[in-house]
Amino acid sequence: EGLFRLEAAALAVFEAARDLREKSPDFRLAEAATRLAELVLVAGKLVD
């Protein structure tokens, strides 16, 4: 649908959840929280 920022935000959350599930050393909780915030923010703006 051409919602490229929302695509990137959803992909980032997927990667964070995957890293946590796999106990990857790349996982950072603060960074994951920021990714979740980006997804909710962008999706909310578009819904509005």
All heavy atoms as atom14 arrays in JSON, in Angstrom:
{
  "sequence": "EGLFRLEAAALAVFEAARDLREKSPDFRLAEAATRLAELVLVAGKLVD",
  "atom14_mask": [
    [1, 1, 1, 1, 1, 1, 1, 1, 1, 0, 0, 0, 0, 0],
    [1, 1, 1, 1, 0, 0, 0, 0, 0, 0, 0, 0, 0, 0],
    [1, 1, 1, 1, 1, 1, 1, 1, 0, 0, 0, 0, 0, 0],
    [1, 1, 1, 1, 1, 1, 1, 1, 1, 1, 1, 0, 0, 0],
    [1, 1, 1, 1, 1, 1, 1, 1, 1, 1, 1, 0, 0, 0],
    [1, 1, 1, 1, 1, 1, 1, 1, 0, 0, 0, 0, 0, 0],
    [1, 1, 1, 1, 1, 1, 1, 1, 1, 0, 0, 0, 0, 0],
    [1, 1, 1, 1, 1, 0, 0, 0, 0, 0, 0, 0, 0, 0],
    [1, 1, 1, 1, 1, 0, 0, 0, 0, 0, 0, 0, 0, 0],
    [1, 1, 1, 1, 1, 0, 0, 0, 0, 0, 0, 0, 0, 0],
    [1, 1, 1, 1, 1, 1, 1, 1, 0, 0, 0, 0, 0, 0],
    [1, 1, 1, 1, 1, 0, 0, 0, 0, 0, 0, 0, 0, 0],
    [1, 1, 1, 1, 1, 1, 1, 0, 0, 0, 0, 0, 0, 0],
    [1, 1, 1, 1, 1, 1, 1, 1, 1, 1, 1, 0, 0, 0],
    [1, 1, 1, 1, 1, 1, 1, 1, 1, 0, 0, 0, 0, 0],
    [1, 1, 1, 1, 1, 0, 0, 0, 0, 0, 0, 0, 0, 0],
    [1, 1, 1, 1, 1, 0, 0, 0, 0, 0, 0, 0, 0, 0],
    [1, 1, 1, 1, 1, 1, 1, 1, 1, 1, 1, 0, 0, 0],
    [1, 1, 1, 1, 1, 1, 1, 1, 0, 0, 0, 0, 0, 0],
    [1, 1, 1, 1, 1, 1, 1, 1, 0, 0, 0, 0, 0, 0],
    [1, 1, 1, 1, 1, 1, 1, 1, 1, 1, 1, 0, 0, 0],
    [1, 1, 1, 1, 1, 1, 1, 1, 1, 0, 0, 0, 0, 0],
    [1, 1, 1, 1, 1, 1, 1, 1, 1, 0, 0, 0, 0, 0],
    [1, 1, 1, 1, 1, 1, 0, 0, 0, 0, 0, 0, 0, 0],
    [1, 1, 1, 1, 1, 1, 1, 0, 0, 0, 0, 0, 0, 0],
    [1, 1, 1, 1, 1, 1, 1, 1, 0, 0, 0, 0, 0, 0],
    [1, 1, 1, 1, 1, 1, 1, 1, 1, 1, 1, 0, 0, 0],
    [1, 1, 1, 1, 1, 1, 1, 1, 1, 1, 1, 0, 0, 0],
    [1, 1, 1, 1, 1, 1, 1, 1, 0, 0, 0, 0, 0, 0],
    [1, 1, 1, 1, 1, 0, 0, 0, 0, 0, 0, 0, 0, 0],
    [1, 1, 1, 1, 1, 1, 1, 1, 1, 0, 0, 0, 0, 0],
    [1, 1, 1, 1, 1, 0, 0, 0, 0, 0, 0, 0, 0, 0],
    [1, 1, 1, 1, 1, 0, 0, 0, 0, 0, 0, 0, 0, 0],
    [1, 1, 1, 1, 1, 1, 1, 0, 0, 0, 0, 0, 0, 0],
    [1, 1, 1, 1, 1, 1, 1, 1, 1, 1, 1, 0, 0, 0],
    [1, 1, 1, 1, 1, 1, 1, 1, 0, 0, 0, 0, 0, 0],
    [1, 1, 1, 1, 1, 0, 0, 0, 0, 0, 0, 0, 0, 0],
    [1, 1, 1, 1, 1, 1, 1, 1, 1, 0, 0, 0, 0, 0],
    [1, 1, 1, 1, 1, 1, 1, 1, 0, 0, 0, 0, 0, 0],
    [1, 1, 1, 1, 1, 1, 1, 0, 0, 0, 0, 0, 0, 0],
    [1, 1, 1, 1, 1, 1, 1, 1, 0, 0, 0, 0, 0, 0],
    [1, 1, 1, 1, 1, 1, 1, 0, 0, 0, 0, 0, 0, 0],
    [1, 1, 1, 1, 1, 0, 0, 0, 0, 0, 0, 0, 0, 0],
    [1, 1, 1, 1, 0, 0, 0, 0, 0, 0, 0, 0, 0, 0],
    [1, 1, 1, 1, 1, 1, 1, 1, 1, 0, 0, 0, 0, 0],
    [1, 1, 1, 1, 1, 1, 1, 1, 0, 0, 0, 0, 0, 0],
    [1, 1, 1, 1, 1, 1, 1, 0, 0, 0, 0, 0, 0, 0],
    [1, 1, 1, 1, 1, 1, 1, 1, 0, 0, 0, 0, 0, 0]
  ],
  "atom14_positions": [
    [[0.81, -1.22, 0.0], [0.0, 0.0, 0.0], [0.84, 1.27, 0.0], [0.3, 2.37, 0.01], [-0.94, 0.02, 1.21], [-1.89, -1.17, 1.31], [-2.78, -1.28, 0.1], [-3.01, -0.27, -0.57], [-3.24, -2.41, -0.19], [0.0, 0.0, 0.0], [0.0, 0.0, 0.0], [0.0, 0.0, 0.0], [0.0, 0.0, 0.0], [0.0, 0.0, 0.0]],
    [[2.17, 1.15, 0.01], [3.02, 2.33, -0.04], [3.18, 3.05, 1.29], [3.54, 4.22, 1.31], [0.0, 0.0, 0.0], [0.0, 0.0, 0.0], [0.0, 0.0, 0.0], [0.0, 0.0, 0.0], [0.0, 0.0, 0.0], [0.0, 0.0, 0.0], [0.0, 0.0, 0.0], [0.0, 0.0, 0.0], [0.0, 0.0, 0.0], [0.0, 0.0, 0.0]],
    [[2.93, 2.36, 2.41], [3.12, 2.95, 3.74], [4.5, 2.54, 4.24], [4.65, 1.67, 5.1], [2.01, 2.48, 4.69], [0.57, 2.74, 4.21], [-0.43, 2.17, 5.2], [0.34, 4.24, 4.0], [0.0, 0.0, 0.0], [0.0, 0.0, 0.0], [0.0, 0.0, 0.0], [0.0, 0.0, 0.0], [0.0, 0.0, 0.0], [0.0, 0.0, 0.0]],
    [[5.52, 3.21, 3.73], [6.88, 2.71, 3.9], [7.42, 2.92, 5.31], [8.17, 2.1, 5.82], [7.79, 3.38, 2.86], [7.34, 3.12, 1.45], [6.82, 4.15, 0.67], [7.4, 1.86, 0.92], [6.38, 3.91, -0.61], [6.97, 1.61, -0.38], [6.46, 2.64, -1.14], [0.0, 0.0, 0.0], [0.0, 0.0, 0.0], [0.0, 0.0, 0.0]],
    [[7.07, 4.02, 5.96], [7.54, 4.21, 7.32], [6.87, 3.21, 8.26], [7.52, 2.68, 9.17], [7.26, 5.64, 7.8], [7.78, 5.91, 9.2], [7.66, 7.37, 9.6], [8.03, 7.55, 10.99], [8.01, 8.72, 11.64], [7.65, 9.82, 11.0], [8.35, 8.79, 12.92], [0.0, 0.0, 0.0], [0.0, 0.0, 0.0], [0.0, 0.0, 0.0]],
    [[5.61, 2.94, 8.05], [4.9, 1.95, 8.86], [5.47, 0.56, 8.61], [5.59, -0.24, 9.54], [3.41, 1.99, 8.55], [2.5, 1.12, 9.43], [2.66, 1.5, 10.89], [1.05, 1.28, 9.0], [0.0, 0.0, 0.0], [0.0, 0.0, 0.0], [0.0, 0.0, 0.0], [0.0, 0.0, 0.0], [0.0, 0.0, 0.0], [0.0, 0.0, 0.0]],
    [[5.82, 0.27, 7.38], [6.46, -1.01, 7.05], [7.75, -1.19, 7.85], [7.99, -2.24, 8.46], [6.75, -1.09, 5.56], [7.56, -2.32, 5.15], [8.24, -2.14, 3.8], [7.86, -1.21, 3.06], [9.15, -2.92, 3.51], [0.0, 0.0, 0.0], [0.0, 0.0, 0.0], [0.0, 0.0, 0.0], [0.0, 0.0, 0.0], [0.0, 0.0, 0.0]],
    [[8.58, -0.14, 7.83], [9.86, -0.21, 8.55], [9.64, -0.37, 10.05], [10.38, -1.1, 10.73], [10.68, 1.04, 8.27], [0.0, 0.0, 0.0], [0.0, 0.0, 0.0], [0.0, 0.0, 0.0], [0.0, 0.0, 0.0], [0.0, 0.0, 0.0], [0.0, 0.0, 0.0], [0.0, 0.0, 0.0], [0.0, 0.0, 0.0], [0.0, 0.0, 0.0]],
    [[8.63, 0.3, 10.59], [8.35, 0.2, 12.02], [7.9, -1.2, 12.4], [8.35, -1.77, 13.4], [7.29, 1.23, 12.41], [0.0, 0.0, 0.0], [0.0, 0.0, 0.0], [0.0, 0.0, 0.0], [0.0, 0.0, 0.0], [0.0, 0.0, 0.0], [0.0, 0.0, 0.0], [0.0, 0.0, 0.0], [0.0, 0.0, 0.0], [0.0, 0.0, 0.0]],
    [[7.01, -1.78, 11.6], [6.54, -3.14, 11.89], [7.67, -4.16, 11.75], [7.79, -5.09, 12.56], [5.39, -3.5, 10.95], [0.0, 0.0, 0.0], [0.0, 0.0, 0.0], [0.0, 0.0, 0.0], [0.0, 0.0, 0.0], [0.0, 0.0, 0.0], [0.0, 0.0, 0.0], [0.0, 0.0, 0.0], [0.0, 0.0, 0.0], [0.0, 0.0, 0.0]],
    [[8.52, -3.97, 10.75], [9.66, -4.87, 10.57], [10.62, -4.78, 11.75], [11.15, -5.79, 12.22], [10.38, -4.52, 9.26], [11.66, -5.31, 8.96], [11.37, -6.79, 8.88], [12.3, -4.81, 7.65], [0.0, 0.0, 0.0], [0.0, 0.0, 0.0], [0.0, 0.0, 0.0], [0.0, 0.0, 0.0], [0.0, 0.0, 0.0], [0.0, 0.0, 0.0]],
    [[10.84, -3.58, 12.26], [11.75, -3.39, 13.4], [11.21, -4.1, 14.64], [11.97, -4.69, 15.42], [11.95, -1.9, 13.67], [0.0, 0.0, 0.0], [0.0, 0.0, 0.0], [0.0, 0.0, 0.0], [0.0, 0.0, 0.0], [0.0, 0.0, 0.0], [0.0, 0.0, 0.0], [0.0, 0.0, 0.0], [0.0, 0.0, 0.0], [0.0, 0.0, 0.0]],
    [[9.89, -4.03, 14.87], [9.3, -4.72, 16.02], [9.43, -6.23, 15.85], [9.73, -6.96, 16.81], [7.82, -4.31, 16.19], [7.14, -5.18, 17.25], [7.73, -2.84, 16.58], [0.0, 0.0, 0.0], [0.0, 0.0, 0.0], [0.0, 0.0, 0.0], [0.0, 0.0, 0.0], [0.0, 0.0, 0.0], [0.0, 0.0, 0.0], [0.0, 0.0, 0.0]],
    [[9.2, -6.72, 14.63], [9.38, -8.15, 14.37], [10.8, -8.59, 14.72], [11.01, -9.62, 15.37], [9.08, -8.45, 12.9], [9.37, -9.87, 12.49], [8.42, -10.85, 12.65], [10.61, -10.21, 11.96], [8.7, -12.17, 12.28], [10.89, -11.52, 11.6], [9.93, -12.5, 11.75], [0.0, 0.0, 0.0], [0.0, 0.0, 0.0], [0.0, 0.0, 0.0]],
    [[11.79, -7.82, 14.28], [13.18, -8.17, 14.55], [13.49, -8.14, 16.04], [14.23, -8.98, 16.55], [14.11, -7.23, 13.79], [14.06, -7.42, 12.27], [14.89, -6.4, 11.53], [15.23, -5.36, 12.14], [15.19, -6.63, 10.34], [0.0, 0.0, 0.0], [0.0, 0.0, 0.0], [0.0, 0.0, 0.0], [0.0, 0.0, 0.0], [0.0, 0.0, 0.0]],
    [[12.93, -7.16, 16.76], [13.15, -7.09, 18.21], [12.56, -8.29, 18.91], [13.19, -8.9, 19.8], [12.56, -5.79, 18.77], [0.0, 0.0, 0.0], [0.0, 0.0, 0.0], [0.0, 0.0, 0.0], [0.0, 0.0, 0.0], [0.0, 0.0, 0.0], [0.0, 0.0, 0.0], [0.0, 0.0, 0.0], [0.0, 0.0, 0.0], [0.0, 0.0, 0.0]],
    [[11.33, -8.67, 18.53], [10.69, -9.84, 19.14], [11.45, -11.12, 18.81], [11.61, -12.0, 19.67], [9.24, -9.94, 18.66], [0.0, 0.0, 0.0], [0.0, 0.0, 0.0], [0.0, 0.0, 0.0], [0.0, 0.0, 0.0], [0.0, 0.0, 0.0], [0.0, 0.0, 0.0], [0.0, 0.0, 0.0], [0.0, 0.0, 0.0], [0.0, 0.0, 0.0]],
    [[11.94, -11.21, 17.59], [12.72, -12.39, 17.2], [14.03, -12.46, 17.98], [14.43, -13.53, 18.44], [13.0, -12.34, 15.69], [13.76, -13.55, 15.15], [14.15, -13.32, 13.72], [15.0, -12.14, 13.59], [15.28, -11.56, 12.42], [14.73, -12.01, 11.31], [16.08, -10.52, 12.38], [0.0, 0.0, 0.0], [0.0, 0.0, 0.0], [0.0, 0.0, 0.0]],
    [[14.72, -11.31, 18.13], [15.98, -11.3, 18.88], [15.75, -11.71, 20.33], [16.57, -12.42, 20.92], [16.61, -9.91, 18.82], [17.18, -9.59, 17.45], [17.34, -10.53, 16.65], [17.47, -8.4, 17.19], [0.0, 0.0, 0.0], [0.0, 0.0, 0.0], [0.0, 0.0, 0.0], [0.0, 0.0, 0.0], [0.0, 0.0, 0.0], [0.0, 0.0, 0.0]],
    [[14.65, -11.24, 20.92], [14.34, -11.61, 22.3], [14.05, -13.1, 22.4], [14.54, -13.78, 23.31], [13.16, -10.8, 22.81], [12.68, -11.12, 24.23], [13.8, -10.9, 25.24], [11.46, -10.27, 24.58], [0.0, 0.0, 0.0], [0.0, 0.0, 0.0], [0.0, 0.0, 0.0], [0.0, 0.0, 0.0], [0.0, 0.0, 0.0], [0.0, 0.0, 0.0]],
    [[13.28, -13.62, 21.46], [12.94, -15.05, 21.48], [14.19, -15.91, 21.33], [14.32, -16.96, 21.99], [11.95, -15.36, 20.37], [11.68, -16.83, 20.17], [10.72, -17.09, 19.03], [9.36, -16.71, 19.38], [8.3, -17.05, 18.64], [8.46, -17.75, 17.53], [7.09, -16.7, 19.0], [0.0, 0.0, 0.0], [0.0, 0.0, 0.0], [0.0, 0.0, 0.0]],
    [[15.12, -15.47, 20.48], [16.34, -16.24, 20.24], [17.45, -15.92, 21.23], [18.56, -16.44, 21.11], [16.84, -15.97, 18.81], [15.85, -16.41, 17.73], [16.31, -16.03, 16.34], [17.33, -15.31, 16.22], [15.64, -16.45, 15.37], [0.0, 0.0, 0.0], [0.0, 0.0, 0.0], [0.0, 0.0, 0.0], [0.0, 0.0, 0.0], [0.0, 0.0, 0.0]],
    [[17.14, -15.06, 22.22], [18.13, -14.64, 23.23], [19.39, -14.1, 22.58], [20.51, -14.39, 22.99], [18.47, -15.81, 24.16], [17.26, -16.34, 24.93], [17.63, -17.49, 25.85], [16.4, -17.99, 26.6], [16.72, -19.12, 27.5], [0.0, 0.0, 0.0], [0.0, 0.0, 0.0], [0.0, 0.0, 0.0], [0.0, 0.0, 0.0], [0.0, 0.0, 0.0]],
    [[19.18, -13.28, 21.56], [20.3, -12.7, 20.82], [20.97, -11.6, 21.65], [20.29, -10.82, 22.32], [19.81, -12.09, 19.51], [20.8, -11.31, 18.89], [0.0, 0.0, 0.0], [0.0, 0.0, 0.0], [0.0, 0.0, 0.0], [0.0, 0.0, 0.0], [0.0, 0.0, 0.0], [0.0, 0.0, 0.0], [0.0, 0.0, 0.0], [0.0, 0.0, 0.0]],
    [[22.3, -11.53, 21.62], [22.99, -10.44, 22.33], [22.71, -9.07, 21.73], [23.02, -8.05, 22.34], [24.48, -10.81, 22.19], [24.54, -11.69, 20.98], [23.25, -12.45, 20.97], [0.0, 0.0, 0.0], [0.0, 0.0, 0.0], [0.0, 0.0, 0.0], [0.0, 0.0, 0.0], [0.0, 0.0, 0.0], [0.0, 0.0, 0.0], [0.0, 0.0, 0.0]],
    [[22.1, -9.03, 20.54], [21.77, -7.76, 19.9], [20.52, -7.12, 20.51], [20.23, -5.95, 20.25], [21.53, -7.95, 18.4], [22.8, -8.33, 17.66], [23.89, -7.94, 18.13], [22.71, -9.02, 16.64], [0.0, 0.0, 0.0], [0.0, 0.0, 0.0], [0.0, 0.0, 0.0], [0.0, 0.0, 0.0], [0.0, 0.0, 0.0], [0.0, 0.0, 0.0]],
    [[19.77, -7.88, 21.31], [18.53, -7.35, 21.87], [18.82, -6.32, 22.94], [19.62, -6.54, 23.86], [17.68, -8.47, 22.47], [16.4, -7.98, 23.09], [15.31, -7.64, 22.31], [16.3, -7.82, 24.47], [14.14, -7.18, 22.87], [15.13, -7.35, 25.05], [14.04, -7.04, 24.24], [0.0, 0.0, 0.0], [0.0, 0.0, 0.0], [0.0, 0.0, 0.0]],
    [[18.18, -5.16, 22.82], [18.25, -4.09, 23.83], [16.82, -3.68, 24.16], [16.07, -3.27, 23.26], [19.03, -2.88, 23.3], [20.46, -3.17, 22.91], [21.35, -3.43, 24.12], [22.74, -3.56, 23.73], [23.31, -4.7, 23.32], [22.56, -5.8, 23.23], [24.58, -4.75, 22.99], [0.0, 0.0, 0.0], [0.0, 0.0, 0.0], [0.0, 0.0, 0.0]],
    [[16.44, -3.78, 25.44], [15.06, -3.52, 25.81], [14.66, -2.08, 25.51], [13.56, -1.83, 24.99], [14.86, -3.82, 27.3], [13.43, -3.61, 27.82], [12.41, -4.38, 27.0], [13.34, -4.01, 29.29], [0.0, 0.0, 0.0], [0.0, 0.0, 0.0], [0.0, 0.0, 0.0], [0.0, 0.0, 0.0], [0.0, 0.0, 0.0], [0.0, 0.0, 0.0]],
    [[15.54, -1.11, 25.8], [15.2, 0.29, 25.54], [14.99, 0.53, 24.04], [14.07, 1.25, 23.64], [16.29, 1.21, 26.08], [0.0, 0.0, 0.0], [0.0, 0.0, 0.0], [0.0, 0.0, 0.0], [0.0, 0.0, 0.0], [0.0, 0.0, 0.0], [0.0, 0.0, 0.0], [0.0, 0.0, 0.0], [0.0, 0.0, 0.0], [0.0, 0.0, 0.0]],
    [[15.83, -0.1, 23.22], [15.69, 0.04, 21.77], [14.4, -0.62, 21.3], [13.69, -0.08, 20.44], [16.88, -0.59, 21.07], [16.83, -0.52, 19.55], [18.0, -1.21, 18.89], [18.99, -1.51, 19.59], [17.92, -1.47, 17.68], [0.0, 0.0, 0.0], [0.0, 0.0, 0.0], [0.0, 0.0, 0.0], [0.0, 0.0, 0.0], [0.0, 0.0, 0.0]],
    [[14.08, -1.77, 21.86], [12.84, -2.47, 21.49], [11.62, -1.63, 21.87], [10.64, -1.57, 21.12], [12.78, -3.83, 22.16], [0.0, 0.0, 0.0], [0.0, 0.0, 0.0], [0.0, 0.0, 0.0], [0.0, 0.0, 0.0], [0.0, 0.0, 0.0], [0.0, 0.0, 0.0], [0.0, 0.0, 0.0], [0.0, 0.0, 0.0], [0.0, 0.0, 0.0]],
    [[11.67, -0.98, 23.04], [10.56, -0.12, 23.45], [10.4, 1.04, 22.48], [9.26, 1.42, 22.12], [10.81, 0.4, 24.86], [0.0, 0.0, 0.0], [0.0, 0.0, 0.0], [0.0, 0.0, 0.0], [0.0, 0.0, 0.0], [0.0, 0.0, 0.0], [0.0, 0.0, 0.0], [0.0, 0.0, 0.0], [0.0, 0.0, 0.0], [0.0, 0.0, 0.0]],
    [[11.51, 1.62, 22.02], [11.43, 2.71, 21.05], [10.83, 2.23, 19.74], [10.07, 2.96, 19.09], [12.83, 3.28, 20.82], [13.36, 3.78, 22.06], [12.81, 4.42, 19.8], [0.0, 0.0, 0.0], [0.0, 0.0, 0.0], [0.0, 0.0, 0.0], [0.0, 0.0, 0.0], [0.0, 0.0, 0.0], [0.0, 0.0, 0.0], [0.0, 0.0, 0.0]],
    [[11.14, 1.01, 19.34], [10.57, 0.46, 18.11], [9.06, 0.27, 18.24], [8.29, 0.54, 17.31], [11.25, -0.87, 17.76], [12.71, -0.73, 17.34], [13.33, -2.08, 17.04], [14.68, -1.94, 16.52], [15.4, -2.95, 16.04], [14.88, -4.17, 16.02], [16.61, -2.76, 15.58], [0.0, 0.0, 0.0], [0.0, 0.0, 0.0], [0.0, 0.0, 0.0]],
    [[8.64, -0.23, 19.39], [7.19, -0.37, 19.63], [6.5, 0.99, 19.6], [5.41, 1.13, 19.04], [6.97, -1.05, 20.99], [7.04, -2.57, 21.02], [7.1, -3.07, 22.46], [5.85, -3.19, 20.3], [0.0, 0.0, 0.0], [0.0, 0.0, 0.0], [0.0, 0.0, 0.0], [0.0, 0.0, 0.0], [0.0, 0.0, 0.0], [0.0, 0.0, 0.0]],
    [[7.14, 1.99, 20.2], [6.57, 3.33, 20.22], [6.43, 3.87, 18.79], [5.43, 4.51, 18.45], [7.43, 4.26, 21.07], [0.0, 0.0, 0.0], [0.0, 0.0, 0.0], [0.0, 0.0, 0.0], [0.0, 0.0, 0.0], [0.0, 0.0, 0.0], [0.0, 0.0, 0.0], [0.0, 0.0, 0.0], [0.0, 0.0, 0.0], [0.0, 0.0, 0.0]],
    [[7.43, 3.62, 17.95], [7.36, 4.07, 16.56], [6.2, 3.42, 15.82], [5.46, 4.08, 15.08], [8.69, 3.75, 15.86], [8.7, 3.95, 14.36], [8.78, 5.39, 13.9], [8.78, 6.29, 14.76], [8.85, 5.62, 12.68], [0.0, 0.0, 0.0], [0.0, 0.0, 0.0], [0.0, 0.0, 0.0], [0.0, 0.0, 0.0], [0.0, 0.0, 0.0]],
    [[6.0, 2.13, 16.04], [4.91, 1.43, 15.37], [3.55, 1.99, 15.8], [2.69, 2.29, 14.95], [4.98, -0.06, 15.7], [3.83, -0.93, 15.17], [3.69, -0.81, 13.67], [4.03, -2.39, 15.58], [0.0, 0.0, 0.0], [0.0, 0.0, 0.0], [0.0, 0.0, 0.0], [0.0, 0.0, 0.0], [0.0, 0.0, 0.0], [0.0, 0.0, 0.0]],
    [[3.35, 2.17, 17.09], [2.08, 2.68, 17.59], [1.87, 4.12, 17.13], [0.76, 4.52, 16.74], [2.01, 2.58, 19.12], [0.75, 3.23, 19.66], [2.07, 1.11, 19.56], [0.0, 0.0, 0.0], [0.0, 0.0, 0.0], [0.0, 0.0, 0.0], [0.0, 0.0, 0.0], [0.0, 0.0, 0.0], [0.0, 0.0, 0.0], [0.0, 0.0, 0.0]],
    [[2.94, 4.93, 17.16], [2.84, 6.34, 16.77], [2.45, 6.48, 15.3], [1.49, 7.19, 14.96], [4.17, 7.05, 17.04], [4.28, 8.48, 16.51], [3.3, 9.4, 17.22], [5.71, 9.0, 16.66], [0.0, 0.0, 0.0], [0.0, 0.0, 0.0], [0.0, 0.0, 0.0], [0.0, 0.0, 0.0], [0.0, 0.0, 0.0], [0.0, 0.0, 0.0]],
    [[3.2, 5.83, 14.41], [2.97, 5.99, 12.98], [1.6, 5.42, 12.59], [0.84, 6.04, 11.84], [4.09, 5.32, 12.17], [3.81, 5.44, 10.68], [5.43, 5.98, 12.49], [0.0, 0.0, 0.0], [0.0, 0.0, 0.0], [0.0, 0.0, 0.0], [0.0, 0.0, 0.0], [0.0, 0.0, 0.0], [0.0, 0.0, 0.0], [0.0, 0.0, 0.0]],
    [[1.29, 4.22, 13.1], [-0.02, 3.64, 12.79], [-1.15, 4.53, 13.29], [-2.15, 4.73, 12.59], [-0.12, 2.25, 13.41], [0.0, 0.0, 0.0], [0.0, 0.0, 0.0], [0.0, 0.0, 0.0], [0.0, 0.0, 0.0], [0.0, 0.0, 0.0], [0.0, 0.0, 0.0], [0.0, 0.0, 0.0], [0.0, 0.0, 0.0], [0.0, 0.0, 0.0]],
    [[-0.99, 5.08, 14.49], [-2.02, 5.97, 15.03], [-2.19, 7.22, 14.21], [-3.33, 7.68, 13.98], [0.0, 0.0, 0.0], [0.0, 0.0, 0.0], [0.0, 0.0, 0.0], [0.0, 0.0, 0.0], [0.0, 0.0, 0.0], [0.0, 0.0, 0.0], [0.0, 0.0, 0.0], [0.0, 0.0, 0.0], [0.0, 0.0, 0.0], [0.0, 0.0, 0.0]],
    [[-1.1, 7.81, 13.76], [-1.18, 9.02, 12.93], [-1.92, 8.73, 11.62], [-2.74, 9.53, 11.17], [0.23, 9.55, 12.64], [0.92, 10.16, 13.83], [0.28, 11.49, 14.24], [1.05, 12.16, 15.34], [0.43, 13.44, 15.77], [0.0, 0.0, 0.0], [0.0, 0.0, 0.0], [0.0, 0.0, 0.0], [0.0, 0.0, 0.0], [0.0, 0.0, 0.0]],
    [[-1.61, 7.58, 11.01], [-2.26, 7.25, 9.74], [-3.74, 6.94, 9.96], [-4.58, 7.31, 9.14], [-1.55, 6.07, 9.09], [-0.1, 6.33, 8.64], [0.54, 5.05, 8.14], [-0.04, 7.41, 7.58], [0.0, 0.0, 0.0], [0.0, 0.0, 0.0], [0.0, 0.0, 0.0], [0.0, 0.0, 0.0], [0.0, 0.0, 0.0], [0.0, 0.0, 0.0]],
    [[-4.06, 6.26, 11.04], [-5.46, 5.99, 11.34], [-6.23, 7.29, 11.56], [-7.4, 7.42, 11.17], [-5.57, 5.08, 12.59], [-7.0, 5.04, 13.11], [-5.09, 3.67, 12.26], [0.0, 0.0, 0.0], [0.0, 0.0, 0.0], [0.0, 0.0, 0.0], [0.0, 0.0, 0.0], [0.0, 0.0, 0.0], [0.0, 0.0, 0.0], [0.0, 0.0, 0.0]],
    [[-5.55, 8.29, 12.14], [-6.2, 9.58, 12.38], [-6.28, 10.43, 11.12], [-6.8, 11.55, 11.17], [-5.43, 10.34, 13.46], [-5.54, 9.69, 14.83], [-6.47, 8.86, 15.01], [-4.71, 9.97, 15.7], [0.0, 0.0, 0.0], [0.0, 0.0, 0.0], [0.0, 0.0, 0.0], [0.0, 0.0, 0.0], [0.0, 0.0, 0.0], [0.0, 0.0, 0.0]]
  ]
}
